[in-house]
Protein backbone atom coordinates (compact mmCIF):
# COMPACT_ATOMS: atom_id res chain seq x y z
CA MET A 1 -10.85 -51.75 -22.75
CA LEU A 2 -8.78 -49.48 -20.54
CA ASP A 3 -6.15 -47.63 -22.51
CA THR A 4 -2.85 -47.62 -20.63
CA GLN A 5 -0.72 -45.46 -22.88
CA SER A 6 -2.56 -43.54 -25.55
CA ASN A 7 0.45 -43.50 -27.88
CA ARG A 8 0.66 -47.31 -28.16
CA PRO A 9 -1.11 -48.93 -31.09
CA GLU A 10 -4.19 -50.99 -30.36
CA LEU A 11 -3.49 -54.65 -29.73
CA PRO A 12 -4.93 -57.32 -32.03
CA PRO A 13 -8.16 -58.62 -30.41
CA GLU A 14 -6.67 -62.08 -29.70
CA ILE A 15 -3.85 -60.50 -27.69
CA ALA A 16 -6.02 -57.83 -26.06
CA ARG A 17 -8.30 -60.46 -24.52
CA ARG A 18 -5.44 -62.13 -22.64
CA ARG A 19 -4.85 -61.58 -18.93
CA THR A 20 -1.65 -63.06 -17.57
CA PHE A 21 -1.35 -62.91 -13.79
CA ALA A 22 0.12 -64.62 -10.75
CA ILE A 23 -1.50 -65.32 -7.41
CA ILE A 24 0.63 -64.30 -4.42
CA SER A 25 0.06 -64.76 -0.71
CA HIS A 26 1.41 -66.03 2.60
CA PRO A 27 1.23 -69.84 2.97
CA ASP A 28 -2.23 -71.04 3.98
CA ALA A 29 -4.13 -67.92 2.97
CA GLY A 30 -6.04 -70.06 0.47
CA LYS A 31 -4.19 -69.39 -2.74
CA THR A 32 -4.27 -72.89 -4.21
CA THR A 33 -7.96 -73.26 -3.28
CA LEU A 34 -8.68 -70.00 -5.11
CA THR A 35 -6.76 -71.28 -8.15
CA GLU A 36 -8.95 -74.39 -8.17
CA LYS A 37 -12.13 -72.27 -8.13
CA PHE A 38 -10.82 -70.18 -11.03
CA LEU A 39 -10.48 -73.40 -13.02
CA LEU A 40 -13.97 -74.43 -11.94
CA TYR A 41 -15.51 -71.18 -13.23
CA GLY A 42 -13.39 -71.27 -16.36
CA GLY A 43 -15.12 -74.59 -17.05
CA ALA A 44 -11.71 -76.23 -16.98
CA ILE A 45 -12.50 -78.76 -14.26
CA GLN A 46 -15.83 -80.17 -13.14
CA MET A 47 -15.12 -80.32 -9.43
CA ALA A 48 -12.61 -78.25 -7.50
CA GLY A 49 -10.04 -80.02 -5.36
CA GLN A 50 -8.85 -79.10 -1.91
CA VAL A 51 -5.26 -79.04 -0.76
CA ARG A 52 -6.11 -81.20 2.23
CA ALA A 53 -8.70 -83.46 0.63
CA LYS A 54 -9.34 -86.82 2.26
CA GLY A 55 -7.56 -89.68 0.51
CA GLU A 56 -7.68 -89.35 -3.22
CA ALA A 57 -11.13 -87.73 -3.01
CA ARG A 58 -10.08 -84.70 -5.00
CA ARG A 59 -6.52 -83.55 -4.91
CA THR A 60 -5.76 -80.10 -6.23
CA ARG A 61 -4.86 -79.90 -9.89
CA SER A 62 -2.06 -77.38 -9.56
CA ASP A 63 0.06 -79.35 -7.05
CA PHE A 64 1.61 -82.19 -9.03
CA MET A 65 4.71 -83.24 -7.02
CA GLN A 66 4.37 -86.08 -4.55
CA MET A 67 5.73 -83.88 -1.80
CA GLU A 68 3.14 -81.17 -2.51
CA LYS A 69 0.39 -83.74 -2.19
CA ASP A 70 1.83 -85.15 1.05
CA ARG A 71 2.36 -81.83 2.78
CA GLY A 72 -0.49 -79.78 1.39
CA ILE A 73 1.79 -76.96 0.24
CA SER A 74 2.73 -75.72 -3.22
CA VAL A 75 6.43 -76.18 -3.91
CA SER A 76 6.82 -75.15 -7.53
CA ALA A 77 5.00 -72.55 -9.58
CA SER A 78 2.54 -74.05 -12.07
CA ALA A 79 0.85 -72.44 -15.06
CA MET A 80 -2.71 -72.80 -16.29
CA SER A 81 -4.61 -71.38 -19.25
CA PHE A 82 -8.39 -71.29 -19.53
CA ASP A 83 -11.20 -69.15 -20.96
CA PHE A 84 -13.57 -67.10 -18.87
CA LYS A 85 -16.30 -65.14 -20.70
CA GLU A 86 -14.55 -63.30 -23.52
CA PHE A 87 -11.14 -63.40 -21.80
CA ARG A 88 -8.28 -65.85 -21.93
CA PHE A 89 -6.72 -66.20 -18.48
CA ASN A 90 -3.11 -67.35 -18.07
CA LEU A 91 -2.72 -67.98 -14.40
CA VAL A 92 0.51 -68.80 -12.61
CA ASP A 93 0.14 -70.25 -9.12
CA THR A 94 3.29 -69.51 -7.10
CA PRO A 95 4.58 -71.23 -3.95
CA GLY A 96 3.69 -69.14 -0.89
CA HIS A 97 6.30 -70.81 1.31
CA SER A 98 9.24 -68.44 1.82
CA ASP A 99 11.74 -71.23 1.17
CA PHE A 100 10.73 -71.19 -2.48
CA SER A 101 10.67 -67.43 -2.92
CA GLU A 102 13.20 -67.43 -5.75
CA ASP A 103 10.85 -69.44 -7.97
CA THR A 104 8.17 -66.89 -7.13
CA TYR A 105 10.37 -63.86 -7.90
CA ARG A 106 11.17 -65.26 -11.31
CA THR A 107 7.54 -66.06 -12.00
CA LEU A 108 6.61 -62.44 -11.33
CA THR A 109 8.85 -61.39 -14.24
CA ALA A 110 6.52 -63.30 -16.60
CA VAL A 111 3.14 -61.84 -15.60
CA ASP A 112 1.39 -58.51 -16.12
CA ALA A 113 -0.51 -58.36 -12.82
CA ALA A 114 -0.83 -60.10 -9.47
CA VAL A 115 -3.78 -61.20 -7.37
CA MET A 116 -2.92 -60.84 -3.69
CA VAL A 117 -4.79 -63.21 -1.38
CA ILE A 118 -5.17 -62.14 2.24
CA ASP A 119 -6.57 -64.18 5.13
CA GLY A 120 -9.48 -62.27 6.71
CA ALA A 121 -8.36 -63.26 10.21
CA LYS A 122 -4.63 -62.63 9.84
CA GLY A 123 -4.43 -59.64 7.51
CA VAL A 124 -1.11 -58.83 5.82
CA GLU A 125 1.50 -61.46 6.73
CA SER A 126 5.28 -61.39 6.30
CA GLN A 127 5.53 -63.35 3.06
CA THR A 128 2.71 -61.31 1.49
CA GLN A 129 4.72 -58.21 2.30
CA LYS A 130 7.91 -59.57 0.69
CA LEU A 131 6.12 -60.63 -2.47
CA PHE A 132 4.30 -57.34 -2.62
CA GLU A 133 7.67 -55.54 -2.56
CA VAL A 134 8.74 -57.52 -5.64
CA CYS A 135 5.52 -56.51 -7.42
CA ARG A 136 6.20 -52.93 -6.41
CA LEU A 137 9.68 -53.05 -7.98
CA ARG A 138 8.06 -54.12 -11.23
CA ASP A 139 5.08 -51.71 -10.88
CA LEU A 140 2.69 -54.62 -11.30
CA PRO A 141 -1.01 -53.84 -10.93
CA ILE A 142 -2.42 -55.67 -7.89
CA LEU A 143 -5.96 -56.90 -7.27
CA THR A 144 -6.73 -58.05 -3.73
CA PHE A 145 -8.97 -60.87 -2.52
CA CYS A 146 -9.73 -61.08 1.19
CA ASN A 147 -10.41 -64.76 1.82
CA LYS A 148 -12.01 -66.82 4.62
CA MET A 149 -14.74 -64.28 5.45
CA ASP A 150 -16.96 -67.18 6.54
CA ARG A 151 -14.64 -67.75 9.52
CA GLU A 152 -14.08 -65.37 12.39
CA SER A 153 -12.30 -62.51 10.68
CA ARG A 154 -11.22 -59.01 11.56
CA ASP A 155 -13.14 -55.80 11.07
CA THR A 156 -13.31 -54.82 7.39
CA PHE A 157 -11.96 -51.30 7.98
CA GLU A 158 -9.10 -52.73 10.03
CA ILE A 159 -8.07 -55.03 7.16
CA ILE A 160 -8.21 -52.19 4.64
CA ASP A 161 -6.22 -49.88 6.95
CA GLU A 162 -3.55 -52.51 7.44
CA ILE A 163 -3.12 -52.99 3.69
CA GLN A 164 -2.89 -49.22 3.18
CA GLU A 165 -0.36 -48.74 5.95
CA MET A 166 1.85 -51.80 5.55
CA LEU A 167 1.93 -51.81 1.77
CA ALA A 168 1.57 -48.09 1.11
CA ILE A 169 -1.08 -48.51 -1.59
CA ASP A 170 -4.57 -47.01 -1.91
CA VAL A 171 -7.34 -49.53 -1.31
CA THR A 172 -10.82 -49.22 -2.77
CA PRO A 173 -13.58 -51.73 -1.93
CA ALA A 174 -15.13 -53.47 -4.95
CA SER A 175 -17.49 -55.40 -2.67
CA TRP A 176 -18.46 -55.14 1.00
CA PRO A 177 -19.05 -58.12 3.32
CA ILE A 178 -22.33 -58.50 5.20
CA GLY A 179 -21.81 -60.10 8.60
CA VAL A 180 -18.63 -61.99 9.58
CA GLY A 181 -17.84 -65.57 10.63
CA ARG A 182 -21.00 -67.58 11.27
CA ASP A 183 -23.18 -64.58 10.45
CA PHE A 184 -21.52 -64.00 7.08
CA ILE A 185 -24.30 -64.20 4.50
CA GLY A 186 -22.65 -62.65 1.47
CA CYS A 187 -21.39 -59.42 -0.05
CA TYR A 188 -22.78 -56.35 -1.71
CA ASP A 189 -21.18 -55.75 -5.10
CA LEU A 190 -20.43 -52.02 -4.99
CA LEU A 191 -19.42 -51.84 -8.65
CA ARG A 192 -22.68 -53.26 -10.00
CA ASP A 193 -25.18 -52.62 -7.18
CA ARG A 194 -25.95 -56.28 -6.65
CA LEU A 195 -26.45 -58.38 -3.57
CA GLU A 196 -24.49 -61.66 -3.69
CA LEU A 197 -25.70 -64.34 -1.28
CA MET A 198 -23.57 -67.31 -0.27
CA ASP A 199 -24.82 -70.88 -0.43
CA ARG A 200 -23.18 -72.78 2.43
CA ALA A 201 -24.70 -76.10 1.45
CA ASP A 202 -23.01 -76.62 -1.89
CA ARG A 203 -19.43 -75.47 -2.07
CA ASN A 204 -19.17 -75.82 -5.82
CA LYS A 205 -22.29 -73.81 -6.55
CA VAL A 206 -22.13 -70.27 -7.87
CA ALA A 207 -23.54 -67.71 -5.44
CA GLU A 208 -27.04 -66.40 -5.97
CA SER A 209 -27.10 -62.77 -7.00
CA ILE A 210 -29.98 -60.34 -6.61
CA SER A 211 -30.10 -57.09 -8.53
CA ILE A 212 -30.75 -54.10 -6.23
CA GLU A 213 -31.57 -50.54 -7.24
CA GLY A 214 -29.15 -48.73 -4.95
CA LEU A 215 -28.70 -49.15 -1.19
CA ASP A 216 -32.13 -47.79 -0.25
CA ASP A 217 -33.95 -50.51 -2.20
CA PRO A 218 -36.53 -52.19 0.12
CA LYS A 219 -35.58 -55.57 -1.42
CA LEU A 220 -32.40 -55.49 0.69
CA ALA A 221 -34.43 -55.96 3.87
CA GLU A 222 -36.06 -59.11 2.46
CA HIS A 223 -32.70 -60.88 2.17
CA VAL A 224 -30.60 -59.38 4.96
CA PRO A 225 -31.51 -59.73 8.68
CA ALA A 226 -32.29 -56.36 10.28
CA GLN A 227 -29.31 -56.18 12.70
CA LEU A 228 -26.85 -57.02 9.90
CA LEU A 229 -28.48 -54.60 7.48
CA GLU A 230 -28.17 -51.66 9.85
CA LYS A 231 -24.46 -52.28 10.48
CA PHE A 232 -23.81 -52.89 6.78
CA LEU A 233 -25.48 -49.64 5.63
CA GLU A 234 -23.56 -47.70 8.26
CA GLU A 235 -20.24 -49.23 7.15
CA VAL A 236 -20.85 -48.62 3.44
CA GLU A 237 -21.74 -44.99 4.19
CA MET A 238 -18.42 -44.59 6.05
CA ALA A 239 -16.48 -46.42 3.33
CA LYS A 240 -17.87 -44.07 0.67
CA GLU A 241 -16.75 -41.07 2.73
CA LEU A 242 -13.33 -42.36 3.81
CA LEU A 243 -12.03 -44.54 0.98
CA PRO A 244 -11.10 -43.48 -2.56
CA THR A 245 -13.33 -44.44 -5.48
CA LEU A 246 -12.06 -46.90 -8.06
CA ASP A 247 -9.76 -45.27 -10.62
CA PRO A 248 -8.90 -47.82 -13.36
CA GLN A 249 -5.83 -45.87 -14.49
CA SER A 250 -4.44 -45.76 -10.96
CA VAL A 251 -4.95 -49.54 -10.68
CA LEU A 252 -2.97 -50.12 -13.90
CA GLU A 253 -0.15 -47.92 -12.64
CA GLY A 254 0.06 -50.00 -9.46
CA HIS A 255 -0.94 -47.18 -7.06
CA MET A 256 -4.37 -48.52 -6.12
CA THR A 257 -5.77 -51.98 -5.44
CA PRO A 258 -9.46 -52.89 -5.57
CA ILE A 259 -10.41 -55.40 -2.85
CA TRP A 260 -13.04 -58.17 -3.09
CA PHE A 261 -14.25 -60.14 -0.07
CA GLY A 262 -15.29 -63.77 -0.12
CA SER A 263 -14.62 -67.37 0.76
CA ALA A 264 -12.73 -69.40 -1.83
CA ILE A 265 -13.60 -72.75 -0.29
CA ASN A 266 -17.31 -71.88 -0.59
CA SER A 267 -16.77 -70.59 -4.17
CA PHE A 268 -17.97 -67.23 -2.95
CA GLY A 269 -16.71 -63.90 -4.32
CA VAL A 270 -14.48 -65.69 -6.83
CA LYS A 271 -16.57 -64.93 -9.90
CA GLU A 272 -16.67 -61.21 -9.04
CA LEU A 273 -12.89 -61.24 -8.65
CA MET A 274 -12.55 -62.89 -12.08
CA ASP A 275 -14.82 -60.26 -13.63
CA GLY A 276 -12.57 -57.68 -11.99
CA ILE A 277 -9.42 -59.21 -13.46
CA GLY A 278 -11.03 -59.10 -16.91
CA THR A 279 -12.20 -55.50 -16.58
CA TYR A 280 -9.41 -53.84 -14.60
CA GLY A 281 -6.45 -56.14 -15.25
CA PRO A 282 -3.89 -55.08 -17.86
CA GLU A 283 -3.58 -56.43 -21.39
CA PRO A 284 -0.21 -58.04 -22.23
CA GLN A 285 2.49 -55.43 -21.57
CA PRO A 286 5.85 -54.71 -23.26
CA GLN A 287 8.71 -56.85 -21.86
CA GLN A 288 12.09 -55.46 -20.87
CA ALA A 289 14.94 -56.72 -23.03
CA SER A 290 18.24 -55.53 -24.42
CA PRO A 291 18.94 -53.79 -26.75
CA ARG A 292 15.24 -52.75 -26.91
CA GLN A 293 11.96 -53.66 -25.26
CA ILE A 294 9.62 -56.17 -26.92
CA CYS A 295 6.05 -54.96 -27.58
CA PRO A 296 3.16 -57.45 -27.70
CA GLU A 297 1.73 -56.06 -30.95
CA GLU A 298 4.91 -56.83 -32.95
CA LYS A 299 4.31 -59.33 -35.75
CA LYS A 300 7.43 -61.41 -35.05
CA VAL A 301 7.37 -63.96 -32.25
CA ALA A 302 9.63 -63.51 -29.22
CA GLY A 303 9.47 -65.15 -25.81
CA PHE A 304 11.65 -65.92 -22.80
CA VAL A 305 12.10 -68.83 -20.40
CA PHE A 306 11.24 -67.92 -16.81
CA LYS A 307 11.11 -71.40 -15.35
CA VAL A 308 12.34 -74.90 -16.10
CA GLN A 309 10.63 -77.90 -14.56
CA ALA A 310 12.40 -81.26 -14.75
CA ASN A 311 10.66 -84.63 -14.68
CA MET A 312 7.08 -83.38 -14.73
CA ASP A 313 6.47 -86.78 -16.24
CA PRO A 314 8.77 -89.09 -14.21
CA LYS A 315 8.58 -91.79 -16.91
CA HIS A 316 10.30 -89.61 -19.47
CA ARG A 317 13.08 -87.62 -17.79
CA ASP A 318 11.84 -84.63 -19.75
CA ARG A 319 12.43 -81.01 -18.98
CA VAL A 320 9.75 -78.49 -19.74
CA ALA A 321 10.78 -74.87 -20.23
CA PHE A 322 7.97 -72.45 -19.37
CA VAL A 323 8.06 -69.68 -21.97
CA ARG A 324 6.21 -66.39 -21.72
CA LEU A 325 5.43 -65.15 -25.23
CA ALA A 326 6.25 -61.47 -25.40
CA SER A 327 5.13 -60.74 -28.96
CA GLY A 328 3.57 -62.13 -32.09
CA HIS A 329 1.41 -65.11 -33.04
CA PHE A 330 3.15 -68.42 -32.48
CA LYS A 331 2.21 -71.53 -34.49
CA ARG A 332 3.23 -75.10 -33.79
CA GLY A 333 6.25 -76.25 -35.79
CA MET A 334 7.76 -72.76 -36.07
CA LYS A 335 11.53 -72.42 -36.16
CA LEU A 336 12.78 -69.96 -33.55
CA THR A 337 16.34 -68.83 -32.87
CA HIS A 338 17.75 -69.74 -29.48
CA VAL A 339 19.59 -66.45 -28.88
CA ARG A 340 22.19 -67.76 -26.41
CA SER A 341 23.50 -70.51 -28.71
CA LYS A 342 22.45 -68.72 -31.95
CA LYS A 343 20.98 -72.07 -33.12
CA PRO A 344 17.55 -72.51 -34.68
CA MET A 345 15.07 -74.69 -32.76
CA ALA A 346 12.00 -76.23 -34.33
CA ILE A 347 9.23 -76.09 -31.73
CA SER A 348 7.29 -79.16 -32.79
CA ASN A 349 5.46 -80.16 -29.61
CA PRO A 350 4.73 -77.07 -27.50
CA VAL A 351 2.17 -77.62 -24.75
CA LEU A 352 -0.47 -75.53 -23.05
CA PHE A 353 -1.03 -76.37 -19.41
CA LEU A 354 -4.18 -77.00 -17.58
CA ALA A 355 -2.68 -77.75 -14.21
CA SER A 356 -1.43 -81.35 -14.36
CA ASP A 357 -2.96 -82.00 -17.79
CA ARG A 358 -1.32 -80.68 -20.89
CA GLU A 359 -2.41 -80.49 -24.48
CA LEU A 360 -0.52 -79.71 -27.68
CA ALA A 361 -0.62 -76.01 -28.45
CA GLU A 362 -1.44 -75.50 -32.11
CA GLU A 363 -1.03 -71.75 -31.66
CA ALA A 364 -0.42 -69.16 -28.97
CA TRP A 365 -0.35 -65.38 -28.77
CA ALA A 366 1.66 -62.75 -26.93
CA GLY A 367 0.78 -63.01 -23.22
CA ASP A 368 0.38 -66.80 -23.29
CA ILE A 369 2.59 -69.20 -21.37
CA ILE A 370 3.58 -72.34 -23.27
CA GLY A 371 5.74 -75.27 -22.26
CA ILE A 372 8.54 -76.46 -24.54
CA PRO A 373 9.74 -79.99 -23.74
CA ASN A 374 13.50 -80.24 -24.34
CA HIS A 375 16.56 -82.07 -23.09
CA GLY A 376 18.41 -79.31 -21.36
CA GLN A 377 19.01 -76.85 -24.21
CA LEU A 378 16.71 -74.25 -22.67
CA ARG A 379 17.64 -72.53 -19.42
CA ILE A 380 16.07 -69.86 -17.28
CA GLY A 381 16.60 -66.44 -18.87
CA ASP A 382 16.96 -67.78 -22.44
CA THR A 383 15.22 -65.80 -25.18
CA LEU A 384 13.64 -67.29 -28.33
CA THR A 385 13.03 -64.99 -31.31
CA GLU A 386 12.49 -65.11 -35.07
CA GLY A 387 16.13 -64.23 -35.66
CA GLU A 388 16.68 -60.90 -33.88
CA ALA A 389 19.31 -61.00 -31.12
CA LEU A 390 17.13 -59.82 -28.24
CA ARG A 391 17.72 -60.86 -24.65
CA ALA A 392 15.07 -60.65 -21.96
CA THR A 393 16.44 -58.87 -18.90
CA GLY A 394 15.55 -58.64 -15.25
CA ILE A 395 15.27 -62.35 -14.40
CA PRO A 396 17.21 -62.60 -11.16
CA SER A 397 19.29 -65.37 -9.64
CA PHE A 398 20.01 -64.86 -5.94
CA ALA A 399 22.99 -65.90 -3.85
CA PRO A 400 21.93 -68.82 -1.66
CA GLU A 401 21.67 -68.24 2.08
CA LEU A 402 22.28 -71.86 3.11
CA LEU A 403 25.08 -74.10 1.86
CA GLN A 404 25.53 -77.84 2.45
CA THR A 405 27.71 -80.52 0.92
CA VAL A 406 25.95 -83.44 -0.70
CA ARG A 407 27.09 -87.06 -0.91
CA ALA A 408 25.55 -90.06 -2.64
CA GLY A 409 24.71 -92.99 -0.33
CA ASP A 410 26.57 -95.19 -2.84
CA PRO A 411 30.05 -93.77 -3.70
CA MET A 412 29.96 -95.58 -7.08
CA LYS A 413 27.02 -93.38 -8.13
CA ALA A 414 28.93 -90.06 -8.04
CA LYS A 415 28.43 -89.55 -11.80
CA HIS A 416 24.65 -90.05 -11.49
CA LEU A 417 24.57 -87.55 -8.65
CA GLU A 418 26.40 -84.97 -10.76
CA LYS A 419 23.85 -85.38 -13.55
CA ALA A 420 20.92 -85.01 -11.13
CA LEU A 421 22.43 -81.91 -9.50
CA MET A 422 23.13 -80.24 -12.84
CA GLN A 423 19.54 -80.82 -13.84
CA PHE A 424 18.24 -79.14 -10.67
CA ALA A 425 20.70 -76.26 -11.14
CA GLU A 426 19.37 -75.62 -14.64
CA GLU A 427 15.85 -75.78 -13.29
CA GLY A 428 16.78 -73.04 -10.82
CA ALA A 429 15.76 -75.27 -7.90
CA ALA A 430 19.19 -74.91 -6.28
CA LYS A 431 22.66 -73.53 -6.89
CA VAL A 432 25.29 -76.20 -7.39
CA PHE A 433 28.94 -75.29 -6.82
CA LYS A 434 31.95 -77.46 -7.67
CA PRO A 435 34.79 -76.47 -5.33
CA SER A 436 38.22 -76.26 -6.97
CA PHE A 437 39.64 -78.28 -4.05
CA GLY A 438 38.42 -81.71 -2.99
CA SER A 439 35.63 -83.80 -4.41
CA GLY A 440 31.90 -83.54 -4.03
CA PHE A 441 29.49 -80.69 -4.60
CA ILE A 442 28.18 -77.85 -2.48
CA VAL A 443 24.47 -77.14 -2.86
CA GLY A 444 23.09 -73.71 -2.03
CA VAL A 445 19.44 -72.85 -1.43
CA VAL A 446 17.36 -69.95 -0.17
CA GLY A 447 15.35 -71.92 2.44
CA ALA A 448 16.00 -75.07 4.49
CA LEU A 449 12.90 -76.89 3.22
CA GLN A 450 14.51 -76.98 -0.23
CA PHE A 451 17.13 -79.48 0.97
CA GLU A 452 14.32 -81.89 1.89
CA VAL A 453 12.62 -81.35 -1.45
CA LEU A 454 15.89 -81.94 -3.32
CA ALA A 455 16.73 -85.11 -1.38
CA SER A 456 13.24 -86.48 -1.93
CA ARG A 457 13.28 -85.62 -5.65
CA ILE A 458 16.78 -87.08 -6.26
CA GLU A 459 15.63 -90.29 -4.61
CA MET A 460 12.28 -90.46 -6.43
CA GLU A 461 13.41 -89.29 -9.86
CA TYR A 462 16.89 -90.87 -9.98
CA GLY A 463 16.64 -93.68 -7.41
CA LEU A 464 19.65 -92.21 -5.57
CA PRO A 465 19.53 -91.87 -1.78
CA VAL A 466 21.66 -88.83 -0.82
CA ARG A 467 22.58 -87.08 2.38
CA PHE A 468 23.23 -83.41 2.97
CA GLU A 469 25.93 -82.45 5.48
CA PRO A 470 26.84 -79.08 6.99
CA SER A 471 29.43 -77.12 5.03
CA GLN A 472 32.08 -74.79 6.43
CA PHE A 473 30.81 -72.05 4.09
CA THR A 474 27.82 -69.82 4.76
CA SER A 475 27.32 -67.86 1.55
CA ALA A 476 28.50 -67.43 -2.02
CA ARG A 477 29.33 -64.42 -4.19
CA TRP A 478 29.85 -64.25 -7.95
CA VAL A 479 33.22 -62.76 -8.91
CA SER A 480 33.62 -60.41 -11.87
CA GLY A 481 36.40 -58.16 -13.14
CA ASP A 482 39.31 -58.11 -15.61
CA LYS A 483 40.65 -61.53 -16.49
CA PRO A 484 44.19 -61.05 -15.05
CA ALA A 485 42.77 -59.65 -11.78
CA VAL A 486 40.31 -62.54 -11.46
CA GLU A 487 43.05 -65.12 -12.13
CA LYS A 488 45.36 -63.54 -9.56
CA PHE A 489 42.49 -63.62 -7.04
CA ILE A 490 41.68 -67.28 -7.81
CA ASN A 491 45.30 -68.36 -7.33
CA ALA A 492 45.52 -66.61 -3.96
CA ASN A 493 42.20 -67.97 -2.61
CA LYS A 494 41.98 -71.50 -4.04
CA GLN A 495 40.32 -73.09 -1.01
CA HIS A 496 37.42 -70.60 -1.31
CA ILE A 497 36.87 -70.86 -5.05
CA ALA A 498 34.19 -72.87 -6.84
CA THR A 499 32.36 -72.74 -10.17
CA ASP A 500 28.60 -72.74 -10.66
CA HIS A 501 26.79 -74.84 -13.30
CA ASP A 502 27.38 -72.13 -15.94
CA GLY A 503 31.11 -72.29 -15.23
CA ASP A 504 31.18 -68.84 -13.60
CA THR A 505 33.63 -68.21 -10.77
CA VAL A 506 32.14 -68.15 -7.29
CA TYR A 507 33.79 -67.11 -4.03
CA LEU A 508 32.54 -69.18 -1.07
CA THR A 509 32.65 -67.29 2.21
CA ARG A 510 32.50 -68.24 5.87
CA LEU A 511 32.02 -64.79 7.39
CA GLN A 512 31.13 -61.28 6.33
CA TRP A 513 34.80 -60.55 7.16
CA ASP A 514 35.88 -62.63 4.12
CA ILE A 515 33.80 -60.41 1.84
CA ASP A 516 35.09 -57.18 3.43
CA ARG A 517 38.69 -58.44 3.09
CA VAL A 518 38.30 -59.13 -0.63
CA GLU A 519 36.70 -55.74 -1.22
CA ARG A 520 39.64 -54.12 0.61
CA ASP A 521 42.48 -56.14 -0.98
CA TYR A 522 41.07 -56.41 -4.51
CA PRO A 523 39.42 -53.05 -5.29
CA ASP A 524 39.22 -53.85 -9.02
CA LEU A 525 37.07 -56.97 -8.46
CA LYS A 526 33.34 -57.03 -7.93
CA LEU A 527 31.54 -59.52 -5.67
CA THR A 528 27.80 -59.72 -6.32
CA ALA A 529 24.96 -61.49 -4.51
CA THR A 530 22.74 -61.76 -7.61
CA LYS A 531 23.42 -62.53 -11.21
CA GLU A 532 21.08 -62.06 -14.15
CA MET A 533 19.96 -65.38 -15.57
CA MET A 534 21.40 -64.78 -19.01
CA VAL A 535 24.62 -65.06 -20.89
């Protein structure tokens, strides 16, 4: 396996075979379809679903909310574990829609690499760029998959140039497409000198591959029409001259991305990409924490919560905390210390996810993602250890950009509404602020679509029709500083003050002017737009 840092001890084989990664892309680039094909090749499902399948023909496995099924978009990140060859893949599918970007940012703190999906016709789109920036901040290795090559797509060099320019990363082709759109017949695997031909008839069939001895092998001409062959050979010649060769170390450092071409819906190019993730993707990496980082080879178990999903099973009002194991070998029934409350927790029914199905996890290793059903004890940013007071760091919570007040259709149900809102706040689906003046709650989100999702979930999961109304406030800032200074500030600005679900003081603002005024009049206070999800 590729050695990242020569001074780190070798990982136990069980941990070394794990690859934990997220799939990122702009909406509609084909991310969820690709996830389904991964599961198909991992032998996890027998028939891949499509996001826009007809009726109940085959819905995708990774979209489990009613709204996701209705709209054909992914709203919440979901985790899946499956085996592929000698590797264990832990895959996190993230929502591509920008309104759910906070869920995605947090998910990227729990993975070691990202697979970037790009639409062959559209190239690098805005959301891809934003998500890429987050990966860049964390120096995550990136592997790229250029999808939809069987439709009219752009010139291969043009796509590669755009990635290099817009994302400032070296791109090296791992495969090269032959023909585009209707003429697309397959790809040439540059890493293994093989010709991969696409079968258009059966979408769930693995592509046929033909071993070729180098590009001057006469066998090429038997399978590739003459006009396509000539153009292909010319392009590969140019690519070898102009583009860098694959440097595994540079990929692990996040400076270079290998690119595979294919068509996820036709199951084409997916297997090569999976081989690539196994070969060039990183083993589980050390996780940032205070007071020290957590290394995967440590014997003691440690893990952190990066996501909480409420009501995955609507019959049981349960909450599942998604935990990324950072070190050790976890066994079912273990007692772990919940660092925030300093209380021991017996983890008796941890689950491993396979999309919407889950099974009891008898054991798990560093790099795995397990779900811990609980009733609200676990929150995003919490750390679980075998006793040591470690706290995972770097899990962000962002100030919302849209604020609205929320009212229950039935005024007698105010208490129920409060309970529902607190649950969504702990899940990280929204910020909930309780103003110090007046009744009611103010809900803050990053994107407008989240209000619809919240209203639909409160109605479905709690049977409470609610309505959102415009609020006079436009943004929120967390307030920190010495206690006397904060109290003096609160007393002078009561109509702007609220508390979030952790009880922290929040200053609600109408204009940028409000923020500037506070910074001028209260120099010893700090207003921040993000807070770390920890205590």
